[in-house]
C-alpha atoms as a PDB file:
ATOM      1  CA  MET A   1      68.934 107.296 142.915  1.00  0.00           C
ATOM      2  CA  GLY A   2      71.669 105.487 144.784  1.00  0.00           C
ATOM      3  CA  GLY A   3      73.871 105.604 147.854  1.00  0.00           C
ATOM      4  CA  SER A   4      75.634 108.622 149.299  1.00  0.00           C
ATOM      5  CA  ASP A   5      79.441 108.803 149.326  1.00  0.00           C
ATOM      6  CA  SER A   6      80.820 111.111 152.010  1.00  0.00           C
ATOM      7  CA  SER A   7      84.088 111.546 150.071  1.00  0.00           C
ATOM      8  CA  GLY A   8      82.198 112.992 147.091  1.00  0.00           C
ATOM      9  CA  GLY A   9      84.035 110.714 144.693  1.00  0.00           C
ATOM     10  CA  ALA A  10      81.092 108.578 143.624  1.00  0.00           C
ATOM     11  CA  GLY A  11      77.476 107.827 144.434  1.00  0.00           C
ATOM     12  CA  ILE A  12      74.569 110.194 144.366  1.00  0.00           C
ATOM     13  CA  GLY A  13      76.756 113.272 144.827  1.00  0.00           C
ATOM     14  CA  ARG A  14      78.626 112.436 141.626  1.00  0.00           C
ATOM     15  CA  ASP A  15      75.303 111.760 139.912  1.00  0.00           C
ATOM     16  CA  ILE A  16      73.858 115.170 140.772  1.00  0.00           C
ATOM     17  CA  GLU A  17      77.110 116.925 139.802  1.00  0.00           C
ATOM     18  CA  THR A  18      77.077 115.212 136.395  1.00  0.00           C
ATOM     19  CA  ILE A  19      73.392 115.742 135.674  1.00  0.00           C
ATOM     20  CA  SER A  20      73.547 119.422 136.650  1.00  0.00           C
ATOM     21  CA  SER A  21      76.584 120.043 134.438  1.00  0.00           C
ATOM     22  CA  ILE A  22      74.572 118.809 131.428  1.00  0.00           C
ATOM     23  CA  GLY A  23      71.803 121.287 132.203  1.00  0.00           C
ATOM     24  CA  VAL A  24      69.236 118.977 133.771  1.00  0.00           C
ATOM     25  CA  ARG A  25      67.782 119.287 137.279  1.00  0.00           C
ATOM     26  CA  ALA A  26      67.972 116.289 139.594  1.00  0.00           C
ATOM     27  CA  CYS A  27      65.638 114.988 142.293  1.00  0.00           C
ATOM     28  CA  LEU A  28      66.706 112.019 144.381  1.00  0.00           C
ATOM     29  CA  ALA A  29      66.036 108.867 146.353  1.00  0.00           C
ATOM     30  CA  VAL A  30      68.771 107.722 148.742  1.00  0.00           C
ATOM     31  CA  THR A  31      69.163 103.949 149.036  1.00  0.00           C
ATOM     32  CA  ALA A  32      72.032 103.923 151.541  1.00  0.00           C
ATOM     33  CA  VAL A  33      74.295 106.236 153.501  1.00  0.00           C
ATOM     34  CA  THR A  34      77.970 105.299 153.439  1.00  0.00           C
ATOM     35  CA  VAL A  35      80.946 106.516 155.414  1.00  0.00           C
ATOM     36  CA  GLN A  36      83.917 106.404 153.068  1.00  0.00           C
ATOM     37  CA  THR A  37      87.109 108.061 151.957  1.00  0.00           C
ATOM     38  CA  HIS A  38      88.705 107.710 148.531  1.00  0.00           C
ATOM     39  CA  GLU A  39      90.533 104.647 149.859  1.00  0.00           C
ATOM     40  CA  ALA A  40      87.970 102.691 151.882  1.00  0.00           C
ATOM     41  CA  VAL A  41      84.326 102.223 152.826  1.00  0.00           C
ATOM     42  CA  ARG A  42      84.045 102.339 156.636  1.00  0.00           C
ATOM     43  CA  GLU A  43      80.297 102.021 157.222  1.00  0.00           C
ATOM     44  CA  ILE A  44      77.133 101.309 155.222  1.00  0.00           C
ATOM     45  CA  HIS A  45      73.613 102.065 156.487  1.00  0.00           C
ATOM     46  CA  HIS A  46      70.798 100.871 154.235  1.00  0.00           C
ATOM     47  CA  SER A  47      67.518 102.724 153.764  1.00  0.00           C
ATOM     48  CA  SER A  48      64.425 100.628 154.290  1.00  0.00           C
ATOM     49  CA  PRO A  49      62.728  99.409 151.074  1.00  0.00           C
ATOM     50  CA  SER A  50      59.553 101.317 151.954  1.00  0.00           C
ATOM     51  CA  LEU A  51      61.534 104.533 152.459  1.00  0.00           C
ATOM     52  CA  VAL A  52      63.253 104.117 149.080  1.00  0.00           C
ATOM     53  CA  ALA A  53      59.914 103.528 147.340  1.00  0.00           C
ATOM     54  CA  ALA A  54      58.348 106.510 149.126  1.00  0.00           C
ATOM     55  CA  GLN A  55      61.218 108.778 148.036  1.00  0.00           C
ATOM     56  CA  MET A  56      60.831 107.607 144.441  1.00  0.00           C
ATOM     57  CA  CYS A  57      57.077 108.147 144.415  1.00  0.00           C
ATOM     58  CA  ALA A  58      57.403 111.612 145.973  1.00  0.00           C
ATOM     59  CA  ALA A  59      60.020 112.656 143.413  1.00  0.00           C
ATOM     60  CA  LEU A  60      57.924 111.324 140.532  1.00  0.00           C
ATOM     61  CA  GLN A  61      54.792 113.059 141.798  1.00  0.00           C
ATOM     62  CA  ALA A  62      56.525 116.389 142.479  1.00  0.00           C
ATOM     63  CA  ASN A  63      58.321 116.654 139.124  1.00  0.00           C
ATOM     64  CA  GLU A  64      57.980 115.857 135.433  1.00  0.00           C
ATOM     65  CA  VAL A  65      60.676 113.196 135.575  1.00  0.00           C
ATOM     66  CA  ALA A  66      62.089 112.436 132.124  1.00  0.00           C
ATOM     67  CA  ALA A  67      64.659 109.756 133.070  1.00  0.00           C
ATOM     68  CA  ILE A  68      65.856 107.823 136.113  1.00  0.00           C
ATOM     69  CA  LYS A  69      69.440 106.881 136.934  1.00  0.00           C
ATOM     70  CA  ILE A  70      69.856 103.981 139.367  1.00  0.00           C
ATOM     71  CA  GLY A  71      73.085 103.214 141.199  1.00  0.00           C
ATOM     72  CA  MET A  72      73.726 101.386 144.483  1.00  0.00           C
ATOM     73  CA  LEU A  73      70.740  99.339 145.662  1.00  0.00           C
ATOM     74  CA  ALA A  74      72.370  97.333 148.463  1.00  0.00           C
ATOM     75  CA  THR A  75      69.740  94.658 149.215  1.00  0.00           C
ATOM     76  CA  ALA A  76      67.349  92.335 147.415  1.00  0.00           C
ATOM     77  CA  GLU A  77      64.416  93.972 149.207  1.00  0.00           C
ATOM     78  CA  ILE A  78      65.363  97.410 147.880  1.00  0.00           C
ATOM     79  CA  VAL A  79      65.732  95.964 144.364  1.00  0.00           C
ATOM     80  CA  VAL A  80      62.190  94.544 144.570  1.00  0.00           C
ATOM     81  CA  ALA A  81      60.804  97.867 145.835  1.00  0.00           C
ATOM     82  CA  VAL A  82      62.494  99.870 143.066  1.00  0.00           C
ATOM     83  CA  ALA A  83      61.283  97.498 140.349  1.00  0.00           C
ATOM     84  CA  ALA A  84      57.712  97.771 141.637  1.00  0.00           C
ATOM     85  CA  VAL A  85      57.772 101.584 141.385  1.00  0.00           C
ATOM     86  CA  LEU A  86      59.317 101.482 137.903  1.00  0.00           C
ATOM     87  CA  ARG A  87      56.518  99.204 136.675  1.00  0.00           C
ATOM     88  CA  ASP A  88      54.056 101.970 137.614  1.00  0.00           C
ATOM     89  CA  TYR A  89      56.000 104.460 135.454  1.00  0.00           C
ATOM     90  CA  PRO A  90      56.846 102.577 132.243  1.00  0.00           C
ATOM     91  CA  GLN A  91      57.011 105.823 130.264  1.00  0.00           C
ATOM     92  CA  VAL A  92      60.087 106.999 132.211  1.00  0.00           C
ATOM     93  CA  PRO A  93      63.325 105.388 130.944  1.00  0.00           C
ATOM     94  CA  ALA A  94      65.561 104.033 133.699  1.00  0.00           C
ATOM     95  CA  ILE A  95      69.329 103.607 133.370  1.00  0.00           C
ATOM     96  CA  LEU A  96      70.755 100.998 135.742  1.00  0.00           C
ATOM     97  CA  ASP A  97      74.416 101.070 136.737  1.00  0.00           C
ATOM     98  CA  PRO A  98      74.543  97.654 138.472  1.00  0.00           C
ATOM     99  CA  VAL A  99      76.875  98.639 141.307  1.00  0.00           C
ATOM    100  CA  LEU A 100      78.246  95.510 142.984  1.00  0.00           C
ATOM    101  CA  ALA A 101      81.304  96.877 144.813  1.00  0.00           C
ATOM    102  CA  SER A 102      83.164 100.103 145.540  1.00  0.00           C
ATOM    103  CA  SER A 103      86.419 101.039 143.819  1.00  0.00           C
ATOM    104  CA  SER A 104      88.201  99.900 146.983  1.00  0.00           C
ATOM    105  CA  GLY A 105      86.563  96.461 146.748  1.00  0.00           C
ATOM    106  CA  GLN A 106      83.856  96.773 149.411  1.00  0.00           C
ATOM    107  CA  GLN A 107      80.723  94.806 148.497  1.00  0.00           C
ATOM    108  CA  LEU A 108      77.800  97.200 147.921  1.00  0.00           C
ATOM    109  CA  LEU A 109      75.148  94.717 146.787  1.00  0.00           C
ATOM    110  CA  GLU A 110      74.249  91.593 148.734  1.00  0.00           C
ATOM    111  CA  ALA A 111      75.017  88.402 146.825  1.00  0.00           C
ATOM    112  CA  SER A 112      71.387  87.296 147.188  1.00  0.00           C
ATOM    113  CA  ALA A 113      70.264  90.440 145.349  1.00  0.00           C
ATOM    114  CA  ILE A 114      72.024  89.655 142.056  1.00  0.00           C
ATOM    115  CA  HIS A 115      69.438  87.099 140.916  1.00  0.00           C
ATOM    116  CA  VAL A 116      66.604  89.411 141.995  1.00  0.00           C
ATOM    117  CA  MET A 117      68.162  92.264 140.022  1.00  0.00           C
ATOM    118  CA  THR A 118      68.428  90.217 136.821  1.00  0.00           C
ATOM    119  CA  ARG A 119      64.931  88.783 137.242  1.00  0.00           C
ATOM    120  CA  ASP A 120      62.891  91.761 138.467  1.00  0.00           C
ATOM    121  CA  LEU A 121      64.738  95.008 137.789  1.00  0.00           C
ATOM    122  CA  MET A 122      66.890  94.736 134.693  1.00  0.00           C
ATOM    123  CA  PRO A 123      64.009  93.888 132.301  1.00  0.00           C
ATOM    124  CA  VAL A 124      62.134  97.099 133.224  1.00  0.00           C
ATOM    125  CA  CYS A 125      65.187  99.337 132.668  1.00  0.00           C
ATOM    126  CA  ARG A 126      65.828 101.036 129.335  1.00  0.00           C
ATOM    127  CA  LEU A 127      69.565 100.347 129.656  1.00  0.00           C
ATOM    128  CA  VAL A 128      71.901  98.407 131.961  1.00  0.00           C
ATOM    129  CA  THR A 129      75.569  99.498 132.056  1.00  0.00           C
ATOM    130  CA  PRO A 130      77.843  96.795 133.553  1.00  0.00           C
ATOM    131  CA  ASN A 131      81.610  96.848 133.455  1.00  0.00           C
ATOM    132  CA  LEU A 132      83.363  93.577 132.610  1.00  0.00           C
ATOM    133  CA  ILE A 133      83.467  92.392 136.232  1.00  0.00           C
ATOM    134  CA  GLU A 134      79.792  93.199 136.797  1.00  0.00           C
ATOM    135  CA  LEU A 135      78.881  91.583 133.490  1.00  0.00           C
ATOM    136  CA  ALA A 136      80.484  88.315 134.583  1.00  0.00           C
ATOM    137  CA  PHE A 137      78.657  88.332 137.919  1.00  0.00           C
ATOM    138  CA  LEU A 138      75.319  89.095 136.276  1.00  0.00           C
ATOM    139  CA  ALA A 139      75.886  86.390 133.665  1.00  0.00           C
ATOM    140  CA  GLY A 140      77.019  83.910 136.328  1.00  0.00           C
ATOM    141  CA  THR A 141      80.368  83.190 134.701  1.00  0.00           C
ATOM    142  CA  ASP A 142      84.066  84.079 134.808  1.00  0.00           C
ATOM    143  CA  PRO A 143      85.246  87.505 133.594  1.00  0.00           C
ATOM    144  CA  ALA A 144      85.535  87.743 129.821  1.00  0.00           C
ATOM    145  CA  ALA A 145      88.934  86.854 128.372  1.00  0.00           C
ATOM    146  CA  ASP A 146      88.520  89.158 125.374  1.00  0.00           C
ATOM    147  CA  GLU A 147      85.969  91.309 123.556  1.00  0.00           C
ATOM    148  CA  ASN A 148      84.346  88.367 121.777  1.00  0.00           C
ATOM    149  CA  ASP A 149      83.862  86.644 125.115  1.00  0.00           C
ATOM    150  CA  ALA A 150      82.306  89.815 126.557  1.00  0.00           C
ATOM    151  CA  LEU A 151      79.947  90.053 123.587  1.00  0.00           C
ATOM    152  CA  ARG A 152      78.898  86.447 124.118  1.00  0.00           C
ATOM    153  CA  GLN A 153      78.178  87.104 127.782  1.00  0.00           C
ATOM    154  CA  GLY A 154      76.304  90.278 126.894  1.00  0.00           C
ATOM    155  CA  ARG A 155      74.128  88.570 124.304  1.00  0.00           C
ATOM    156  CA  GLU A 156      73.275  85.784 126.755  1.00  0.00           C
ATOM    157  CA  LEU A 157      72.280  88.361 129.360  1.00  0.00           C
ATOM    158  CA  LEU A 158      70.287  90.345 126.800  1.00  0.00           C
ATOM    159  CA  ALA A 159      68.365  87.183 125.912  1.00  0.00           C
ATOM    160  CA  THR A 160      66.993  86.978 129.477  1.00  0.00           C
ATOM    161  CA  GLY A 161      64.671  89.875 128.676  1.00  0.00           C
ATOM    162  CA  LEU A 162      66.741  93.050 128.794  1.00  0.00           C
ATOM    163  CA  GLN A 163      65.895  96.009 126.567  1.00  0.00           C
ATOM    164  CA  ALA A 164      69.501  97.127 126.017  1.00  0.00           C
ATOM    165  CA  LEU A 165      72.939  96.508 127.500  1.00  0.00           C
ATOM    166  CA  LEU A 166      76.039  98.697 127.424  1.00  0.00           C
ATOM    167  CA  ILE A 167      79.204  96.663 128.033  1.00  0.00           C
ATOM    168  CA  LYS A 168      81.848  99.012 129.425  1.00  0.00           C
ATOM    169  CA  GLY A 169      85.431  98.289 128.465  1.00  0.00           C
ATOM    170  CA  GLY A 170      87.226 100.343 131.100  1.00  0.00           C
ATOM    171  CA  HIS A 171      88.518  97.213 132.866  1.00  0.00           C
ATOM    172  CA  ALA A 172      89.925  95.722 129.669  1.00  0.00           C
ATOM    173  CA  ILE A 173      93.489  96.193 128.430  1.00  0.00           C
ATOM    174  CA  GLY A 174      94.865  97.805 125.282  1.00  0.00           C
ATOM    175  CA  ALA A 175      95.406 101.254 123.836  1.00  0.00           C
ATOM    176  CA  ARG A 176      91.691 101.819 123.178  1.00  0.00           C
ATOM    177  CA  SER A 177      88.712 101.667 125.536  1.00  0.00           C
ATOM    178  CA  ALA A 178      85.558 100.446 123.802  1.00  0.00           C
ATOM    179  CA  ASP A 179      82.007 100.393 125.154  1.00  0.00           C
ATOM    180  CA  ILE A 180      79.526  98.282 123.165  1.00  0.00           C
ATOM    181  CA  LEU A 181      75.765  98.840 123.047  1.00  0.00           C
ATOM    182  CA  LEU A 182      73.700  95.677 122.506  1.00  0.00           C
ATOM    183  CA  ARG A 183      70.025  95.647 121.462  1.00  0.00           C
ATOM    184  CA  PHE A 184      67.891  92.871 120.034  1.00  0.00           C
ATOM    185  CA  ASP A 185      66.756  94.665 116.922  1.00  0.00           C
ATOM    186  CA  GLN A 186      70.015  96.347 115.840  1.00  0.00           C
ATOM    187  CA  GLU A 187      73.663  95.621 115.231  1.00  0.00           C
ATOM    188  CA  PRO A 188      76.037  96.325 118.143  1.00  0.00           C
ATOM    189  CA  ALA A 189      77.113  99.958 118.359  1.00  0.00           C
ATOM    190  CA  ARG A 190      80.726 100.572 119.370  1.00  0.00           C
ATOM    191  CA  PHE A 191      81.943 103.678 121.206  1.00  0.00           C
ATOM    192  CA  ASP A 192      85.718 103.871 121.105  1.00  0.00           C
ATOM    193  CA  ALA A 193      88.185 106.249 122.766  1.00  0.00           C
ATOM    194  CA  PRO A 194      91.886 106.263 123.647  1.00  0.00           C
ATOM    195  CA  ARG A 195      92.632 104.618 126.988  1.00  0.00           C
ATOM    196  CA  LEU A 196      94.053 107.220 129.364  1.00  0.00           C
ATOM    197  CA  ALA A 197      96.593 106.589 132.105  1.00  0.00           C
ATOM    198  CA  GLY A 198      95.439 106.798 135.707  1.00  0.00           C
ATOM    199  CA  SER A 199      91.961 106.376 137.118  1.00  0.00           C
ATOM    200  CA  VAL A 200      89.117 108.425 138.558  1.00  0.00           C
ATOM    201  CA  ARG A 201      86.536 107.194 141.049  1.00  0.00           C
ATOM    202  CA  GLY A 202      82.903 107.418 140.044  1.00  0.00           C
ATOM    203  CA  THR A 203      83.263 107.036 136.278  1.00  0.00           C
ATOM    204  CA  GLY A 204      80.446 104.463 136.212  1.00  0.00           C
ATOM    205  CA  CYS A 205      78.206 106.907 138.073  1.00  0.00           C
ATOM    206  CA  MET A 206      79.173 109.670 135.664  1.00  0.00           C
ATOM    207  CA  LEU A 207      78.502 107.628 132.532  1.00  0.00           C
ATOM    208  CA  ALA A 208      75.072 106.336 133.575  1.00  0.00           C
ATOM    209  CA  SER A 209      74.068 109.775 134.868  1.00  0.00           C
ATOM    210  CA  ALA A 210      75.198 111.495 131.672  1.00  0.00           C
ATOM    211  CA  ILE A 211      73.262 108.993 129.557  1.00  0.00           C
ATOM    212  CA  ALA A 212      70.149 109.549 131.686  1.00  0.00           C
ATOM    213  CA  ALA A 213      70.542 113.334 131.446  1.00  0.00           C
ATOM    214  CA  HIS A 214      70.744 113.227 127.657  1.00  0.00           C
ATOM    215  CA  LEU A 215      67.747 110.880 127.485  1.00  0.00           C
ATOM    216  CA  ALA A 216      65.891 113.419 129.611  1.00  0.00           C
ATOM    217  CA  LYS A 217      66.771 116.038 126.987  1.00  0.00           C
ATOM    218  CA  ALA A 218      65.090 113.798 124.373  1.00  0.00           C
ATOM    219  CA  SER A 219      68.229 112.420 122.705  1.00  0.00           C
ATOM    220  CA  PRO A 220      67.836 108.886 121.295  1.00  0.00           C
ATOM    221  CA  LEU A 221      69.504 106.101 123.263  1.00  0.00           C
ATOM    222  CA  GLU A 222      72.525 105.644 120.982  1.00  0.00           C
ATOM    223  CA  ASP A 223      73.178 109.392 120.856  1.00  0.00           C
ATOM    224  CA  SER A 224      72.824 109.587 124.642  1.00  0.00           C
ATOM    225  CA  VAL A 225      75.411 106.827 125.084  1.00  0.00           C
ATOM    226  CA  ARG A 226      77.807 108.553 122.687  1.00  0.00           C
ATOM    227  CA  LYS A 227      77.433 111.886 124.481  1.00  0.00           C
ATOM    228  CA  GLY A 228      77.846 110.168 127.847  1.00  0.00           C
ATOM    229  CA  LYS A 229      81.044 108.464 126.719  1.00  0.00           C
ATOM    230  CA  GLU A 230      82.395 111.802 125.457  1.00  0.00           C
ATOM    231  CA  PHE A 231      81.521 113.456 128.770  1.00  0.00           C
ATOM    232  CA  VAL A 232      83.437 110.857 130.804  1.00  0.00           C
ATOM    233  CA  PHE A 233      86.421 110.958 128.426  1.00  0.00           C
ATOM    234  CA  GLU A 234      86.638 114.737 128.815  1.00  0.00           C
ATOM    235  CA  LYS A 235      86.573 114.401 132.620  1.00  0.00           C
ATOM    236  CA  LEU A 236      89.330 111.778 132.472  1.00  0.00           C
ATOM    237  CA  GLN A 237      91.401 114.064 130.245  1.00  0.00           C
ATOM    238  CA  GLU A 238      90.982 116.907 132.744  1.00  0.00           C
ATOM    239  CA  ASN A 239      92.118 114.627 135.561  1.00  0.00           C
ATOM    240  CA  ALA A 240      95.140 113.478 133.562  1.00  0.00           C
ATOM    241  CA  VAL A 241      96.212 117.099 133.025  1.00  0.00           C
ATOM    242  CA  THR A 242      95.813 118.048 136.690  1.00  0.00           C
END
């Protein structure tokens, strides 16, 4: 579930593409319709909270849903509605990509919704996958200066009641890109790959969707994260070649 992206670069279109390529079927709930190119977001039209909840309930009733991927939520009211539905389906793991802005910098989540997301939604999700910028916003602090700083922010956020947190290192610098999985009951798990030149829109969508797809195929969380990271790295390699 998330917003549509008319360019096809990110959003729910990228989610469905990713999930299908892993061999899992997707159903959907659209939270917003956007008009955008690869360079800019021109218009955003939010779904009503009741419509989002109704789409979720219909999808859950029509299918044996094994995992939920959540992307753009847009407003505090939609966040509240989504959290309420998830509480009725605690057996279905939800992966939250806390989308705050587009690649071009357009705000995609109202500022007032950040506190509601951390309070109501994040604790009922199996995993939250912020990049370093999103992590800082969610933690209410400045962006991390280094990996130790990011780990500190992540642990503070985890202590607010989260089940698990994946800190994405794509916005860091250095020859390696490391994502770090934090859980209360286990040591941090590190997923490391060479940092590739260039960039691709929608990598956050791809990663969270791939993790959700592998969870749906009954892989444990850590294995699902590893497979998701490998999936995104392969897509980045393909883009670098072309």
